[in-house]
Amino acid sequence: MTIRTVIADDQALVRAGFRMILDAEEDFEVVAEAVDGGEAVTAVRRHRPDVVLMDVRMPRMDGLEATRRILDGGAVCRVILLTTFDLDEYVYAALRAGASGFLLKDVSPEQLVASIRLIVAGDAILAPSITRRLVERFARPSTPPAPPAGLASLTDREREVLLLIARGLSNAEIAARLHLGEATVKTHVARILSKLQLRDRVQAVVVAYESGLVRPGEAGPP
């Protein structure tokens, strides 16, 4: 399988660096580059990539607005945000818009390649614990929580798994906590994402906080 990728960044050297890394891998193809969000949106519509590496801060249209337009337009690709700053407020907003995670621009070549492969396989490149830090920092408690569509259809066990995902536990840790097999946990996670119409675990963490299922700073179960 060839992983078709679009690189969106206003700095030519950054684009060239990422392209060089991906071109060195047999299973990657960079199908387009974009210098701003508008070009990124156009490139996605034209080339239908699997993944977009999207800079957060770009002229004319930033990565946040581009992510929103790409995913609201029905594209099935995953968006990975690129940022220079850890815990950038734009990152939380982009996660809300549907991005699947973010990478710092100083990521190593090995981490970049591995992260993209993970996301194409359906995993999340942003550790749920990091997502939790973002949500706890930027979530607004004054915003009335709105239960996500499909929440009522979750079983008691699926709701329990969702809460543990939101608290940053991995599948292995959830399995140990609930005395289940890891394969069983993976099945529960897949059903949760399907019922809530979410792309990945990152989105599940955001939904759990924004719906009020978990409150910022709330301790996990014993």
Protein backbone atom coordinates (compact mmCIF):
# COMPACT_ATOMS: atom_id res chain seq x y z
CA MET A 1 0.00 0.00 0.00
CA THR A 2 1.29 3.45 -0.95
CA ILE A 3 0.61 6.23 1.54
CA ARG A 4 -0.32 9.31 -0.46
CA THR A 5 0.66 12.49 1.38
CA VAL A 6 0.20 16.24 1.01
CA ILE A 7 2.68 18.56 2.77
CA ALA A 8 1.33 22.02 3.67
CA ASP A 9 3.79 24.56 5.09
CA ASP A 10 4.68 28.11 4.11
CA GLN A 11 8.41 27.47 4.56
CA ALA A 12 10.04 25.88 1.51
CA LEU A 13 12.86 24.35 3.56
CA VAL A 14 10.40 22.61 5.86
CA ARG A 15 8.47 21.17 2.93
CA ALA A 16 11.68 20.03 1.26
CA GLY A 17 12.87 18.39 4.46
CA PHE A 18 9.68 16.42 5.00
CA ARG A 19 9.53 15.46 1.32
CA MET A 20 13.10 14.16 1.44
CA ILE A 21 12.27 12.00 4.45
CA LEU A 22 9.12 10.55 2.90
CA ASP A 23 10.61 10.08 -0.58
CA ALA A 24 13.23 7.83 1.00
CA GLU A 25 10.50 5.37 2.03
CA GLU A 26 9.17 2.86 -0.50
CA ASP A 27 5.58 3.03 0.76
CA PHE A 28 5.21 6.83 0.64
CA GLU A 29 4.31 9.17 -2.21
CA VAL A 30 4.17 12.95 -1.78
CA VAL A 31 1.41 13.86 -4.22
CA ALA A 32 1.40 17.63 -3.63
CA GLU A 33 2.83 20.53 -1.63
CA ALA A 34 0.96 23.62 -0.46
CA VAL A 35 2.20 26.98 0.82
CA ASP A 36 -0.98 27.92 2.68
CA GLY A 37 -4.28 26.48 3.85
CA GLY A 38 -6.15 27.37 0.68
CA GLU A 39 -3.69 25.44 -1.45
CA ALA A 40 -3.92 22.53 0.98
CA VAL A 41 -7.70 22.37 0.62
CA THR A 42 -7.38 22.44 -3.18
CA ALA A 43 -4.65 19.77 -3.13
CA VAL A 44 -6.79 17.43 -1.04
CA ARG A 45 -9.75 17.79 -3.36
CA ARG A 46 -7.56 17.18 -6.40
CA HIS A 47 -5.32 14.35 -5.17
CA ARG A 48 -7.39 12.61 -2.45
CA PRO A 49 -4.39 11.83 -0.20
CA ASP A 50 -4.36 9.48 2.77
CA VAL A 51 -2.62 12.00 5.04
CA VAL A 52 -2.05 15.76 5.17
CA LEU A 53 0.92 17.17 7.11
CA MET A 54 -0.51 20.58 7.97
CA ASP A 55 1.38 23.53 9.43
CA VAL A 56 -0.68 25.35 12.05
CA ARG A 57 0.41 28.89 11.21
CA MET A 58 0.33 29.87 7.54
CA PRO A 59 -0.57 33.08 5.68
CA ARG A 60 -3.96 33.76 4.07
CA MET A 61 -5.57 30.61 5.51
CA ASP A 62 -4.07 28.91 8.55
CA GLY A 63 -3.94 25.18 9.23
CA LEU A 64 -6.92 25.28 11.55
CA GLU A 65 -9.32 26.70 8.98
CA ALA A 66 -7.89 24.42 6.29
CA THR A 67 -8.40 21.37 8.52
CA ARG A 68 -11.98 22.40 9.18
CA ARG A 69 -12.73 22.84 5.48
CA ILE A 70 -11.05 19.60 4.48
CA LEU A 71 -12.86 17.45 7.01
CA ASP A 72 -16.20 19.25 6.82
CA GLY A 73 -16.01 18.70 3.06
CA GLY A 74 -16.16 14.96 3.58
CA ALA A 75 -12.53 14.09 2.86
CA VAL A 76 -11.52 10.71 4.28
CA CYS A 77 -7.89 11.65 4.77
CA ARG A 78 -6.27 12.18 8.17
CA VAL A 79 -4.80 15.55 9.13
CA ILE A 80 -1.61 15.76 11.18
CA LEU A 81 -0.81 19.22 12.48
CA LEU A 82 2.75 20.51 12.50
CA THR A 83 3.65 23.06 15.14
CA THR A 84 6.74 24.66 16.61
CA PHE A 85 5.13 25.07 20.01
CA ASP A 86 4.09 22.33 22.42
CA LEU A 87 0.54 22.82 23.68
CA ASP A 88 -0.22 25.55 21.14
CA GLU A 89 -3.82 26.76 21.62
CA TYR A 90 -4.36 26.23 17.90
CA VAL A 91 -3.78 22.52 18.39
CA TYR A 92 -6.77 22.08 20.69
CA ALA A 93 -8.99 23.99 18.28
CA ALA A 94 -7.78 21.82 15.41
CA LEU A 95 -8.45 18.64 17.36
CA ARG A 96 -11.99 19.90 17.80
CA ALA A 97 -12.12 20.47 14.06
CA GLY A 98 -11.28 16.81 13.47
CA ALA A 99 -7.51 16.60 13.19
CA SER A 100 -6.06 13.30 14.33
CA GLY A 101 -3.13 14.71 16.27
CA PHE A 102 -0.04 16.82 16.01
CA LEU A 103 3.73 16.63 15.73
CA LEU A 104 6.38 19.15 16.65
CA LYS A 105 8.41 20.30 13.65
CA ASP A 106 11.62 19.00 15.18
CA VAL A 107 10.32 15.43 15.06
CA SER A 108 12.96 12.91 14.01
CA PRO A 109 12.69 11.28 10.56
CA GLU A 110 12.01 7.91 12.21
CA GLN A 111 9.24 9.35 14.37
CA LEU A 112 7.66 11.13 11.42
CA VAL A 113 7.49 8.01 9.29
CA ALA A 114 6.31 5.80 12.15
CA SER A 115 3.64 8.32 13.15
CA ILE A 116 2.16 8.53 9.67
CA ARG A 117 2.09 4.75 9.36
CA LEU A 118 0.30 4.50 12.70
CA ILE A 119 -2.37 6.97 11.73
CA VAL A 120 -2.98 5.27 8.38
CA ALA A 121 -3.43 2.01 10.28
CA GLY A 122 -6.21 3.68 12.25
CA ASP A 123 -4.32 4.56 15.41
CA ALA A 124 -3.69 8.03 16.81
CA ILE A 125 -0.29 9.68 16.68
CA LEU A 126 -1.01 11.86 19.68
CA ALA A 127 -0.86 10.00 22.97
CA PRO A 128 -4.22 10.29 24.75
CA SER A 129 -2.41 11.60 27.84
CA ILE A 130 -1.08 14.53 25.79
CA THR A 131 -4.52 15.15 24.35
CA ARG A 132 -5.86 15.17 27.89
CA ARG A 133 -3.35 17.89 28.83
CA LEU A 134 -4.53 19.96 25.88
CA VAL A 135 -8.19 19.51 26.75
CA GLU A 136 -7.66 20.29 30.41
CA ARG A 137 -5.77 23.45 29.53
CA PHE A 138 -8.10 24.83 26.89
CA ALA A 139 -11.54 23.36 27.57
CA ARG A 140 -13.96 26.03 28.78
CA PRO A 141 -16.00 24.82 31.78
CA SER A 142 -18.55 27.59 31.15
CA THR A 143 -19.51 26.00 27.84
CA PRO A 144 -22.63 23.86 28.34
CA PRO A 145 -21.73 20.23 27.62
CA ALA A 146 -23.57 18.61 24.74
CA PRO A 147 -23.79 14.81 24.72
CA PRO A 148 -22.37 13.46 21.46
CA ALA A 149 -24.63 11.67 19.02
CA GLY A 150 -24.63 7.96 19.75
CA LEU A 151 -23.65 8.28 23.42
CA ALA A 152 -26.86 6.67 24.59
CA SER A 153 -26.13 3.61 22.43
CA LEU A 154 -22.94 2.79 24.32
CA THR A 155 -23.08 -0.19 26.62
CA ASP A 156 -21.99 0.18 30.25
CA ARG A 157 -18.68 -1.50 29.39
CA GLU A 158 -18.12 0.74 26.36
CA ARG A 159 -18.79 3.84 28.45
CA GLU A 160 -16.31 2.55 31.02
CA VAL A 161 -13.69 2.04 28.32
CA LEU A 162 -14.36 5.52 26.93
CA LEU A 163 -13.74 7.09 30.34
CA LEU A 164 -10.43 5.24 30.65
CA ILE A 165 -9.40 6.32 27.14
CA ALA A 166 -10.15 9.91 28.15
CA ARG A 167 -7.91 9.55 31.18
CA GLY A 168 -5.00 8.59 28.98
CA LEU A 169 -4.84 4.81 29.42
CA SER A 170 -3.53 2.64 26.59
CA ASN A 171 -5.34 -0.51 25.43
CA ALA A 172 -2.97 -2.64 27.50
CA GLU A 173 -3.57 -0.51 30.61
CA ILE A 174 -7.35 -0.63 30.09
CA ALA A 175 -7.17 -4.40 29.69
CA ALA A 176 -5.28 -4.72 32.96
CA ARG A 177 -7.62 -2.33 34.78
CA LEU A 178 -10.79 -4.11 33.62
CA HIS A 179 -9.33 -7.65 33.63
CA LEU A 180 -10.01 -8.08 29.92
CA GLY A 181 -7.95 -9.32 27.00
CA GLU A 182 -6.29 -6.60 24.94
CA ALA A 183 -8.09 -7.85 21.81
CA THR A 184 -11.41 -7.41 23.63
CA VAL A 185 -10.47 -3.84 24.54
CA LYS A 186 -9.58 -3.11 20.90
CA THR A 187 -13.03 -4.36 19.90
CA HIS A 188 -14.69 -2.09 22.46
CA VAL A 189 -12.64 0.89 21.23
CA ALA A 190 -13.60 0.19 17.62
CA ARG A 191 -17.29 0.03 18.56
CA ILE A 192 -17.07 3.26 20.55
CA LEU A 193 -15.50 5.11 17.63
CA SER A 194 -18.11 3.70 15.26
CA LYS A 195 -21.09 4.55 17.44
CA LEU A 196 -19.85 8.07 18.16
CA GLN A 197 -18.73 8.57 14.54
CA LEU A 198 -15.19 9.46 15.59
CA ARG A 199 -11.98 9.05 13.62
CA ASP A 200 -9.69 7.90 16.41
CA ARG A 201 -8.87 7.89 20.13
CA VAL A 202 -7.81 11.54 20.05
CA GLN A 203 -11.33 12.56 19.07
CA ALA A 204 -12.74 10.26 21.76
CA VAL A 205 -10.76 12.10 24.45
CA VAL A 206 -11.98 15.49 23.24
CA VAL A 207 -15.61 14.31 23.09
CA ALA A 208 -15.43 12.79 26.58
CA TYR A 209 -14.29 16.11 28.05
CA GLU A 210 -16.53 18.38 26.00
CA SER A 211 -19.63 16.28 26.72
CA GLY A 212 -18.99 16.46 30.45
CA LEU A 213 -18.31 12.73 30.87
CA VAL A 214 -14.92 13.68 32.30
CA ARG A 215 -14.07 17.00 33.91
CA PRO A 216 -10.66 18.65 33.66
CA GLY A 217 -8.52 17.62 36.61
CA GLU A 218 -10.87 14.82 37.62
CA ALA A 219 -9.08 11.80 39.04
CA GLY A 220 -9.47 8.45 37.38
CA PRO A 221 -11.15 5.45 39.01
CA PRO A 222 -9.10 3.34 41.42
